[in-house]
C-alpha atoms as a PDB file:
ATOM      1  CA  MET A   1     -19.700   3.329 -14.783  1.00  0.00           C
ATOM      2  CA  LEU A   2     -20.566   6.955 -15.517  1.00  0.00           C
ATOM      3  CA  ASN A   3     -20.844   6.126 -19.223  1.00  0.00           C
ATOM      4  CA  ASN A   4     -23.485   3.439 -18.490  1.00  0.00           C
ATOM      5  CA  GLN A   5     -25.460   5.861 -16.328  1.00  0.00           C
ATOM      6  CA  THR A   6     -25.349   8.503 -19.072  1.00  0.00           C
ATOM      7  CA  LYS A   7     -26.557   5.955 -21.626  1.00  0.00           C
ATOM      8  CA  LYS A   8     -29.385   4.882 -19.321  1.00  0.00           C
ATOM      9  CA  ILE A   9     -30.435   8.519 -18.751  1.00  0.00           C
ATOM     10  CA  ASP A  10     -30.448   9.074 -22.522  1.00  0.00           C
ATOM     11  CA  GLU A  11     -32.623   5.967 -23.029  1.00  0.00           C
ATOM     12  CA  ILE A  12     -35.072   7.069 -20.332  1.00  0.00           C
ATOM     13  CA  ALA A  13     -35.239  10.580 -21.834  1.00  0.00           C
ATOM     14  CA  ASP A  14     -36.007   9.044 -25.237  1.00  0.00           C
ATOM     15  CA  ILE A  15     -38.834   7.021 -23.687  1.00  0.00           C
ATOM     16  CA  PHE A  16     -40.326  10.129 -22.089  1.00  0.00           C
ATOM     17  CA  LYS A  17     -39.971  11.989 -25.379  1.00  0.00           C
ATOM     18  CA  ALA A  18     -41.924   9.235 -27.145  1.00  0.00           C
ATOM     19  CA  LEU A  19     -44.655   9.358 -24.504  1.00  0.00           C
ATOM     20  CA  SER A  20     -44.883  13.157 -24.552  1.00  0.00           C
ATOM     21  CA  ASN A  21     -47.208  13.007 -27.558  1.00  0.00           C
ATOM     22  CA  PRO A  22     -50.815  12.498 -26.382  1.00  0.00           C
ATOM     23  CA  ASN A  23     -51.677  10.071 -29.188  1.00  0.00           C
ATOM     24  CA  ARG A  24     -48.594   7.943 -28.520  1.00  0.00           C
ATOM     25  CA  LEU A  25     -49.415   7.961 -24.829  1.00  0.00           C
ATOM     26  CA  ARG A  26     -52.967   6.805 -25.632  1.00  0.00           C
ATOM     27  CA  ILE A  27     -51.672   4.038 -27.899  1.00  0.00           C
ATOM     28  CA  PHE A  28     -49.164   2.913 -25.287  1.00  0.00           C
ATOM     29  CA  GLN A  29     -51.831   3.026 -22.567  1.00  0.00           C
ATOM     30  CA  GLN A  30     -54.167   0.957 -24.733  1.00  0.00           C
ATOM     31  CA  LEU A  31     -51.466  -1.654 -25.338  1.00  0.00           C
ATOM     32  CA  ALA A  32     -50.462  -1.742 -21.669  1.00  0.00           C
ATOM     33  CA  SER A  33     -53.979  -1.652 -20.188  1.00  0.00           C
ATOM     34  CA  CYS A  34     -55.048  -5.144 -21.073  1.00  0.00           C
ATOM     35  CA  CYS A  35     -52.139  -7.419 -20.339  1.00  0.00           C
ATOM     36  CA  LYS A  36     -48.860  -7.401 -18.507  1.00  0.00           C
ATOM     37  CA  PRO A  37     -45.830  -6.329 -20.559  1.00  0.00           C
ATOM     38  CA  GLY A  38     -44.535  -8.992 -22.875  1.00  0.00           C
ATOM     39  CA  THR A  39     -47.913 -10.503 -23.650  1.00  0.00           C
ATOM     40  CA  LYS A  40     -49.918  -9.400 -26.630  1.00  0.00           C
ATOM     41  CA  SER A  41     -52.770  -7.165 -25.594  1.00  0.00           C
ATOM     42  CA  ILE A  42     -56.199  -8.700 -26.076  1.00  0.00           C
ATOM     43  CA  ILE A  43     -58.002  -6.270 -28.291  1.00  0.00           C
ATOM     44  CA  ASP A  44     -59.528  -8.685 -30.774  1.00  0.00           C
ATOM     45  CA  ALA A  45     -60.546 -12.309 -30.757  1.00  0.00           C
ATOM     46  CA  ARG A  46     -57.076 -13.383 -31.920  1.00  0.00           C
ATOM     47  CA  SER A  47     -55.456 -11.960 -28.759  1.00  0.00           C
ATOM     48  CA  THR A  48     -53.367  -9.384 -30.611  1.00  0.00           C
ATOM     49  CA  ALA A  49     -53.438  -5.628 -30.934  1.00  0.00           C
ATOM     50  CA  TYR A  50     -53.259  -4.721 -34.602  1.00  0.00           C
ATOM     51  CA  VAL A  51     -52.318  -1.227 -35.704  1.00  0.00           C
ATOM     52  CA  GLY A  52     -55.574  -0.617 -37.611  1.00  0.00           C
ATOM     53  CA  GLU A  53     -57.678  -1.745 -34.666  1.00  0.00           C
ATOM     54  CA  LEU A  54     -55.802   0.571 -32.306  1.00  0.00           C
ATOM     55  CA  GLY A  55     -56.595   3.458 -34.635  1.00  0.00           C
ATOM     56  CA  GLU A  56     -60.276   2.593 -34.723  1.00  0.00           C
ATOM     57  CA  GLN A  57     -60.522   2.451 -30.945  1.00  0.00           C
ATOM     58  CA  LEU A  58     -58.666   5.746 -30.504  1.00  0.00           C
ATOM     59  CA  ASP A  59     -60.198   7.530 -33.535  1.00  0.00           C
ATOM     60  CA  ILE A  60     -56.805   8.006 -35.221  1.00  0.00           C
ATOM     61  CA  VAL A  61     -56.252   7.354 -38.934  1.00  0.00           C
ATOM     62  CA  PRO A  62     -54.098   4.300 -39.736  1.00  0.00           C
ATOM     63  CA  SER A  63     -51.195   6.290 -41.222  1.00  0.00           C
ATOM     64  CA  THR A  64     -50.922   8.351 -38.035  1.00  0.00           C
ATOM     65  CA  VAL A  65     -51.126   5.227 -35.875  1.00  0.00           C
ATOM     66  CA  SER A  66     -48.323   3.667 -37.911  1.00  0.00           C
ATOM     67  CA  HIS A  67     -46.158   6.743 -37.364  1.00  0.00           C
ATOM     68  CA  HIS A  68     -46.778   6.651 -33.605  1.00  0.00           C
ATOM     69  CA  ILE A  69     -46.147   2.893 -33.446  1.00  0.00           C
ATOM     70  CA  LYS A  70     -42.830   3.481 -35.211  1.00  0.00           C
ATOM     71  CA  GLU A  71     -41.823   6.057 -32.580  1.00  0.00           C
ATOM     72  CA  LEU A  72     -42.892   3.834 -29.678  1.00  0.00           C
ATOM     73  CA  LYS A  73     -40.907   0.975 -31.182  1.00  0.00           C
ATOM     74  CA  ARG A  74     -37.857   3.180 -31.799  1.00  0.00           C
ATOM     75  CA  SER A  75     -37.834   4.207 -28.148  1.00  0.00           C
ATOM     76  CA  GLY A  76     -38.042   0.549 -27.088  1.00  0.00           C
ATOM     77  CA  LEU A  77     -41.430   0.800 -25.405  1.00  0.00           C
ATOM     78  CA  ILE A  78     -43.122  -1.682 -27.690  1.00  0.00           C
ATOM     79  CA  ARG A  79     -42.233  -4.554 -29.983  1.00  0.00           C
ATOM     80  CA  THR A  80     -43.937  -5.447 -33.230  1.00  0.00           C
ATOM     81  CA  ASN A  81     -44.342  -8.462 -35.463  1.00  0.00           C
ATOM     82  CA  ARG A  82     -45.641  -8.371 -39.024  1.00  0.00           C
ATOM     83  CA  LYS A  83     -48.288 -10.957 -39.923  1.00  0.00           C
ATOM     84  CA  GLY A  84     -49.097 -10.500 -43.585  1.00  0.00           C
ATOM     85  CA  GLN A  85     -50.497  -7.012 -43.964  1.00  0.00           C
ATOM     86  CA  LYS A  86     -51.091  -6.630 -40.240  1.00  0.00           C
ATOM     87  CA  ILE A  87     -48.628  -5.656 -37.557  1.00  0.00           C
ATOM     88  CA  GLU A  88     -49.176  -6.926 -34.029  1.00  0.00           C
ATOM     89  CA  CYS A  89     -47.803  -4.891 -31.115  1.00  0.00           C
ATOM     90  CA  TRP A  90     -47.046  -5.447 -27.445  1.00  0.00           C
ATOM     91  CA  VAL A  91     -45.315  -3.658 -24.580  1.00  0.00           C
ATOM     92  CA  ASP A  92     -41.651  -4.574 -24.099  1.00  0.00           C
ATOM     93  CA  PRO A  93     -41.190  -5.928 -20.543  1.00  0.00           C
ATOM     94  CA  GLU A  94     -37.451  -5.144 -20.350  1.00  0.00           C
ATOM     95  CA  THR A  95     -38.019  -1.478 -21.118  1.00  0.00           C
ATOM     96  CA  ILE A  96     -40.776  -1.258 -18.517  1.00  0.00           C
ATOM     97  CA  GLU A  97     -38.451  -2.808 -15.940  1.00  0.00           C
ATOM     98  CA  MET A  98     -35.734  -0.313 -16.848  1.00  0.00           C
ATOM     99  CA  VAL A  99     -38.156   2.587 -16.302  1.00  0.00           C
ATOM    100  CA  ARG A 100     -39.348   1.070 -12.998  1.00  0.00           C
ATOM    101  CA  GLY A 101     -35.742   0.666 -11.899  1.00  0.00           C
ATOM    102  CA  PHE A 102     -35.026   4.279 -12.784  1.00  0.00           C
ATOM    103  CA  PHE A 103     -37.678   5.402 -10.310  1.00  0.00           C
ATOM    104  CA  SER A 104     -36.588   3.055  -7.535  1.00  0.00           C
ATOM    105  CA  PHE A 105     -34.739   5.115  -4.987  1.00  0.00           C
END
């Protein structure tokens, strides 16, 4: 049991580490602001949030956005799906529930 709690604490710490960067927090907030976790954020007419479009809205160059997306994905906060040269992103609902559960006392 203690091993599971330690693993969960490590996962939560990794999530907070990912969100400690202001640009990653802005990207995550943008993805989460439109739709509930698990649905693709509506940022363009195709109902998906593409990496390049996130960068345009937040005034961040695409290479930097890609780096931040990679970190958000690594921490489990978001999921991605490649569509040709574009990558769509959305908030992972299971991770959000885990964070909510962590703060439920």
